[in-house]
Amino acid sequence: LASRVYAMEVISGAKLYADQIRRRVIPLLRADIAVFERWIAEGKIAPVNATHLLFSIWAMTQTYADFSAQMTLVLDRDALQPADFDDAERLITGMVLAAVGLQDKPCEP
């Protein structure tokens, strides 16, 4: 529920919590981006735009928290099942590892 409240605040322009986001969230995101950039500089991962990599990971994972109602409608069921989360984890992990050059294929079905 907290994730949805936060998402609605951001979607509506972050009018109430923009200062909190600037002070709390942005420094954490920049620290994570710096880790990706360090790994790129050290040759541990392929050169990618670290900011957009983090945005992509964030978007893919956040979707399951904020839009599960839409997913259940599309899947024609009452709730997401553990297998759905397992499939998502495998797919997202494979996509990210492939994007940074640590895996040849995005995922196995």
N, C-alpha and C. Protein backbone atom coordinates (compact mmCIF):
# COMPACT_ATOMS: atom_id res chain seq x y z
N LEU A 1 0.82 -1.20 0.00
CA LEU A 1 0.00 0.00 0.00
C LEU A 1 0.86 1.26 0.00
N ALA A 2 1.93 1.25 0.78
CA ALA A 2 2.81 2.43 0.83
C ALA A 2 3.39 2.73 -0.54
N SER A 3 3.72 1.68 -1.28
CA SER A 3 4.27 1.87 -2.62
C SER A 3 3.27 2.56 -3.53
N ARG A 4 2.01 2.21 -3.41
CA ARG A 4 0.98 2.84 -4.25
C ARG A 4 0.76 4.29 -3.87
N VAL A 5 0.78 4.58 -2.57
CA VAL A 5 0.63 5.97 -2.12
C VAL A 5 1.78 6.81 -2.67
N TYR A 6 2.98 6.29 -2.56
CA TYR A 6 4.16 6.99 -3.08
C TYR A 6 4.04 7.18 -4.59
N ALA A 7 3.63 6.13 -5.29
CA ALA A 7 3.49 6.21 -6.75
C ALA A 7 2.46 7.27 -7.14
N MET A 8 1.35 7.32 -6.44
CA MET A 8 0.32 8.33 -6.75
C MET A 8 0.86 9.73 -6.50
N GLU A 9 1.64 9.91 -5.46
CA GLU A 9 2.23 11.21 -5.18
C GLU A 9 3.17 11.63 -6.31
N VAL A 10 3.99 10.71 -6.76
CA VAL A 10 4.94 11.02 -7.84
C VAL A 10 4.19 11.26 -9.15
N ILE A 11 3.22 10.41 -9.45
CA ILE A 11 2.45 10.56 -10.69
C ILE A 11 1.74 11.91 -10.73
N SER A 12 1.29 12.38 -9.58
CA SER A 12 0.57 13.66 -9.54
C SER A 12 1.51 14.86 -9.45
N GLY A 13 2.79 14.65 -9.61
CA GLY A 13 3.74 15.76 -9.65
C GLY A 13 4.55 15.97 -8.39
N ALA A 14 4.42 15.09 -7.42
CA ALA A 14 5.18 15.16 -6.16
C ALA A 14 5.04 16.51 -5.47
N LYS A 15 3.82 17.02 -5.45
CA LYS A 15 3.58 18.34 -4.85
C LYS A 15 3.78 18.34 -3.34
N LEU A 16 3.43 17.25 -2.68
CA LEU A 16 3.52 17.22 -1.22
C LEU A 16 4.89 16.77 -0.72
N TYR A 17 5.53 15.88 -1.46
CA TYR A 17 6.76 15.27 -0.95
C TYR A 17 8.00 15.52 -1.80
N ALA A 18 7.97 16.50 -2.66
CA ALA A 18 9.13 16.77 -3.52
C ALA A 18 10.39 17.01 -2.71
N ASP A 19 10.28 17.80 -1.64
CA ASP A 19 11.46 18.07 -0.82
C ASP A 19 11.99 16.81 -0.15
N GLN A 20 11.09 15.97 0.33
CA GLN A 20 11.51 14.70 0.95
C GLN A 20 12.19 13.80 -0.08
N ILE A 21 11.63 13.77 -1.27
CA ILE A 21 12.23 12.95 -2.34
C ILE A 21 13.62 13.47 -2.67
N ARG A 22 13.75 14.78 -2.78
CA ARG A 22 15.07 15.36 -3.08
C ARG A 22 16.08 15.04 -1.99
N ARG A 23 15.65 15.11 -0.74
CA ARG A 23 16.59 14.91 0.37
C ARG A 23 16.86 13.44 0.67
N ARG A 24 15.87 12.58 0.48
CA ARG A 24 16.03 11.19 0.90
C ARG A 24 16.25 10.22 -0.26
N VAL A 25 15.45 10.34 -1.29
CA VAL A 25 15.48 9.34 -2.36
C VAL A 25 16.61 9.60 -3.34
N ILE A 26 16.76 10.82 -3.79
CA ILE A 26 17.76 11.13 -4.81
C ILE A 26 19.18 10.77 -4.36
N PRO A 27 19.59 11.09 -3.13
CA PRO A 27 20.94 10.67 -2.72
C PRO A 27 21.13 9.15 -2.75
N LEU A 28 20.11 8.40 -2.39
CA LEU A 28 20.22 6.94 -2.44
C LEU A 28 20.34 6.45 -3.88
N LEU A 29 19.54 7.04 -4.77
CA LEU A 29 19.62 6.65 -6.17
C LEU A 29 20.98 7.00 -6.76
N ARG A 30 21.49 8.16 -6.43
CA ARG A 30 22.80 8.56 -6.95
C ARG A 30 23.90 7.63 -6.43
N ALA A 31 23.77 7.17 -5.21
CA ALA A 31 24.75 6.22 -4.67
C ALA A 31 24.70 4.91 -5.44
N ASP A 32 23.48 4.43 -5.75
CA ASP A 32 23.35 3.20 -6.54
C ASP A 32 23.91 3.38 -7.94
N ILE A 33 23.63 4.52 -8.55
CA ILE A 33 24.16 4.82 -9.89
C ILE A 33 25.68 4.84 -9.85
N ALA A 34 26.25 5.40 -8.80
CA ALA A 34 27.71 5.45 -8.67
C ALA A 34 28.30 4.04 -8.61
N VAL A 35 27.60 3.12 -7.97
CA VAL A 35 28.08 1.73 -7.92
C VAL A 35 28.12 1.14 -9.33
N PHE A 36 27.03 1.32 -10.09
CA PHE A 36 27.02 0.83 -11.47
C PHE A 36 28.14 1.47 -12.28
N GLU A 37 28.32 2.77 -12.13
CA GLU A 37 29.37 3.47 -12.88
C GLU A 37 30.77 2.98 -12.49
N ARG A 38 30.96 2.66 -11.23
CA ARG A 38 32.25 2.11 -10.79
C ARG A 38 32.47 0.74 -11.42
N TRP A 39 31.44 -0.10 -11.43
CA TRP A 39 31.56 -1.42 -12.05
C TRP A 39 31.87 -1.29 -13.53
N ILE A 40 31.27 -0.31 -14.20
CA ILE A 40 31.56 -0.06 -15.62
C ILE A 40 33.01 0.33 -15.78
N ALA A 41 33.48 1.27 -14.97
CA ALA A 41 34.86 1.75 -15.04
C ALA A 41 35.86 0.63 -14.76
N GLU A 42 35.50 -0.29 -13.89
CA GLU A 42 36.38 -1.42 -13.54
C GLU A 42 36.26 -2.57 -14.55
N GLY A 43 35.39 -2.43 -15.54
CA GLY A 43 35.21 -3.47 -16.54
C GLY A 43 34.42 -4.66 -16.05
N LYS A 44 33.72 -4.52 -14.94
CA LYS A 44 32.94 -5.63 -14.39
C LYS A 44 31.62 -5.83 -15.13
N ILE A 45 31.09 -4.75 -15.69
CA ILE A 45 29.87 -4.85 -16.49
C ILE A 45 30.05 -4.02 -17.75
N ALA A 46 29.22 -4.30 -18.74
CA ALA A 46 29.28 -3.58 -20.02
C ALA A 46 28.93 -2.11 -19.81
N PRO A 47 29.47 -1.25 -20.66
CA PRO A 47 29.14 0.17 -20.54
C PRO A 47 27.69 0.43 -20.95
N VAL A 48 26.90 0.83 -19.99
CA VAL A 48 25.50 1.20 -20.21
C VAL A 48 25.26 2.51 -19.49
N ASN A 49 24.17 3.16 -19.80
CA ASN A 49 23.79 4.36 -19.07
C ASN A 49 23.27 3.90 -17.71
N ALA A 50 24.05 4.12 -16.68
CA ALA A 50 23.74 3.60 -15.35
C ALA A 50 22.44 4.18 -14.80
N THR A 51 22.17 5.43 -15.11
CA THR A 51 20.94 6.05 -14.62
C THR A 51 19.73 5.36 -15.23
N HIS A 52 19.76 5.15 -16.54
CA HIS A 52 18.62 4.50 -17.20
C HIS A 52 18.54 3.02 -16.86
N LEU A 53 19.66 2.40 -16.57
CA LEU A 53 19.63 1.02 -16.09
C LEU A 53 18.86 0.95 -14.78
N LEU A 54 19.17 1.84 -13.87
CA LEU A 54 18.46 1.86 -12.59
C LEU A 54 16.99 2.18 -12.78
N PHE A 55 16.67 3.16 -13.63
CA PHE A 55 15.27 3.48 -13.92
C PHE A 55 14.54 2.24 -14.43
N SER A 56 15.19 1.48 -15.31
CA SER A 56 14.56 0.29 -15.89
C SER A 56 14.31 -0.78 -14.84
N ILE A 57 15.30 -1.02 -13.99
CA ILE A 57 15.13 -2.00 -12.92
C ILE A 57 14.00 -1.56 -12.00
N TRP A 58 14.02 -0.30 -11.66
CA TRP A 58 13.00 0.27 -10.79
C TRP A 58 11.61 0.10 -11.40
N ALA A 59 11.48 0.45 -12.67
CA ALA A 59 10.18 0.36 -13.34
C ALA A 59 9.68 -1.09 -13.42
N MET A 60 10.57 -2.00 -13.79
CA MET A 60 10.15 -3.39 -13.93
C MET A 60 9.69 -3.98 -12.61
N THR A 61 10.39 -3.68 -11.54
CA THR A 61 10.03 -4.25 -10.25
C THR A 61 8.85 -3.51 -9.62
N GLN A 62 8.82 -2.21 -9.74
CA GLN A 62 7.75 -1.41 -9.15
C GLN A 62 6.39 -1.74 -9.75
N THR A 63 6.38 -2.14 -11.00
CA THR A 63 5.13 -2.49 -11.67
C THR A 63 4.37 -3.56 -10.90
N TYR A 64 5.09 -4.54 -10.36
CA TYR A 64 4.42 -5.62 -9.64
C TYR A 64 3.81 -5.13 -8.33
N ALA A 65 4.36 -4.10 -7.75
CA ALA A 65 3.79 -3.54 -6.53
C ALA A 65 2.61 -2.63 -6.81
N ASP A 66 2.71 -1.83 -7.86
CA ASP A 66 1.72 -0.78 -8.09
C ASP A 66 0.62 -1.13 -9.09
N PHE A 67 0.86 -2.08 -9.96
CA PHE A 67 -0.11 -2.38 -11.00
C PHE A 67 -0.55 -3.84 -11.00
N SER A 68 -0.49 -4.48 -9.85
CA SER A 68 -0.89 -5.88 -9.79
C SER A 68 -2.36 -6.06 -10.17
N ALA A 69 -3.20 -5.07 -9.88
CA ALA A 69 -4.62 -5.17 -10.25
C ALA A 69 -4.76 -5.28 -11.77
N GLN A 70 -4.00 -4.51 -12.49
CA GLN A 70 -4.04 -4.58 -13.96
C GLN A 70 -3.53 -5.93 -14.44
N MET A 71 -2.45 -6.40 -13.83
CA MET A 71 -1.89 -7.69 -14.24
C MET A 71 -2.87 -8.82 -13.99
N THR A 72 -3.55 -8.80 -12.85
CA THR A 72 -4.51 -9.87 -12.56
C THR A 72 -5.67 -9.85 -13.55
N LEU A 73 -6.08 -8.66 -13.97
CA LEU A 73 -7.14 -8.58 -14.98
C LEU A 73 -6.68 -9.19 -16.30
N VAL A 74 -5.47 -8.85 -16.72
CA VAL A 74 -4.94 -9.38 -17.97
C VAL A 74 -4.78 -10.90 -17.89
N LEU A 75 -4.34 -11.38 -16.74
CA LEU A 75 -4.13 -12.82 -16.55
C LEU A 75 -5.42 -13.56 -16.21
N ASP A 76 -6.50 -12.81 -16.01
CA ASP A 76 -7.81 -13.38 -15.68
C ASP A 76 -7.77 -14.24 -14.41
N ARG A 77 -7.23 -13.64 -13.35
CA ARG A 77 -7.23 -14.32 -12.06
C ARG A 77 -7.41 -13.30 -10.94
N ASP A 78 -7.66 -13.79 -9.76
CA ASP A 78 -7.94 -12.91 -8.62
C ASP A 78 -6.69 -12.27 -8.03
N ALA A 79 -5.58 -12.95 -8.15
CA ALA A 79 -4.34 -12.44 -7.55
C ALA A 79 -3.14 -13.02 -8.30
N LEU A 80 -2.03 -12.31 -8.22
CA LEU A 80 -0.79 -12.86 -8.75
C LEU A 80 -0.38 -14.04 -7.89
N GLN A 81 0.16 -15.05 -8.53
CA GLN A 81 0.56 -16.27 -7.84
C GLN A 81 2.07 -16.28 -7.63
N PRO A 82 2.56 -17.08 -6.69
CA PRO A 82 4.01 -17.18 -6.51
C PRO A 82 4.75 -17.48 -7.82
N ALA A 83 4.17 -18.29 -8.68
CA ALA A 83 4.82 -18.61 -9.96
C ALA A 83 4.96 -17.36 -10.83
N ASP A 84 4.01 -16.43 -10.73
CA ASP A 84 4.11 -15.18 -11.50
C ASP A 84 5.33 -14.39 -11.06
N PHE A 85 5.55 -14.33 -9.76
CA PHE A 85 6.70 -13.60 -9.24
C PHE A 85 8.00 -14.31 -9.58
N ASP A 86 7.98 -15.64 -9.56
CA ASP A 86 9.16 -16.41 -9.97
C ASP A 86 9.50 -16.15 -11.43
N ASP A 87 8.47 -16.15 -12.29
CA ASP A 87 8.69 -15.87 -13.71
C ASP A 87 9.22 -14.46 -13.91
N ALA A 88 8.64 -13.50 -13.19
CA ALA A 88 9.09 -12.11 -13.31
C ALA A 88 10.54 -11.97 -12.85
N GLU A 89 10.87 -12.62 -11.74
CA GLU A 89 12.24 -12.54 -11.24
C GLU A 89 13.23 -13.10 -12.26
N ARG A 90 12.89 -14.24 -12.83
CA ARG A 90 13.77 -14.86 -13.82
C ARG A 90 13.93 -13.96 -15.06
N LEU A 91 12.82 -13.41 -15.54
CA LEU A 91 12.86 -12.57 -16.72
C LEU A 91 13.62 -11.27 -16.46
N ILE A 92 13.29 -10.58 -15.38
CA ILE A 92 13.93 -9.30 -15.08
C ILE A 92 15.42 -9.49 -14.83
N THR A 93 15.77 -10.51 -14.05
CA THR A 93 17.18 -10.77 -13.78
C THR A 93 17.93 -11.07 -15.08
N GLY A 94 17.34 -11.90 -15.93
CA GLY A 94 17.97 -12.23 -17.20
C GLY A 94 18.15 -11.02 -18.10
N MET A 95 17.13 -10.16 -18.15
CA MET A 95 17.21 -8.96 -18.97
C MET A 95 18.32 -8.03 -18.49
N VAL A 96 18.39 -7.85 -17.18
CA VAL A 96 19.41 -6.94 -16.63
C VAL A 96 20.80 -7.52 -16.83
N LEU A 97 20.97 -8.81 -16.53
CA LEU A 97 22.29 -9.42 -16.71
C LEU A 97 22.73 -9.39 -18.17
N ALA A 98 21.79 -9.60 -19.10
CA ALA A 98 22.13 -9.51 -20.52
C ALA A 98 22.49 -8.08 -20.90
N ALA A 99 21.76 -7.12 -20.37
CA ALA A 99 22.02 -5.70 -20.69
C ALA A 99 23.41 -5.27 -20.26
N VAL A 100 23.90 -5.81 -19.16
CA VAL A 100 25.22 -5.41 -18.67
C VAL A 100 26.31 -6.39 -19.09
N GLY A 101 25.97 -7.32 -19.99
CA GLY A 101 26.96 -8.22 -20.55
C GLY A 101 27.39 -9.37 -19.68
N LEU A 102 26.59 -9.72 -18.69
CA LEU A 102 26.96 -10.82 -17.81
C LEU A 102 26.25 -12.13 -18.15
N GLN A 103 25.42 -12.08 -19.17
CA GLN A 103 24.68 -13.26 -19.59
C GLN A 103 24.40 -13.11 -21.07
N ASP A 104 24.50 -14.22 -21.82
CA ASP A 104 24.30 -14.15 -23.27
C ASP A 104 22.84 -13.93 -23.65
N LYS A 105 21.94 -14.68 -23.04
CA LYS A 105 20.53 -14.60 -23.38
C LYS A 105 19.77 -13.91 -22.25
N PRO A 106 18.71 -13.19 -22.58
CA PRO A 106 17.94 -12.53 -21.52
C PRO A 106 17.35 -13.49 -20.51
N CYS A 107 16.81 -14.62 -20.94
CA CYS A 107 16.28 -15.59 -19.98
C CYS A 107 15.89 -16.86 -20.70
N GLU A 108 15.77 -17.90 -19.93
CA GLU A 108 15.26 -19.16 -20.43
C GLU A 108 13.79 -19.24 -20.03
N PRO A 109 12.93 -19.73 -20.94
CA PRO A 109 11.49 -19.83 -20.59
C PRO A 109 11.22 -20.81 -19.48
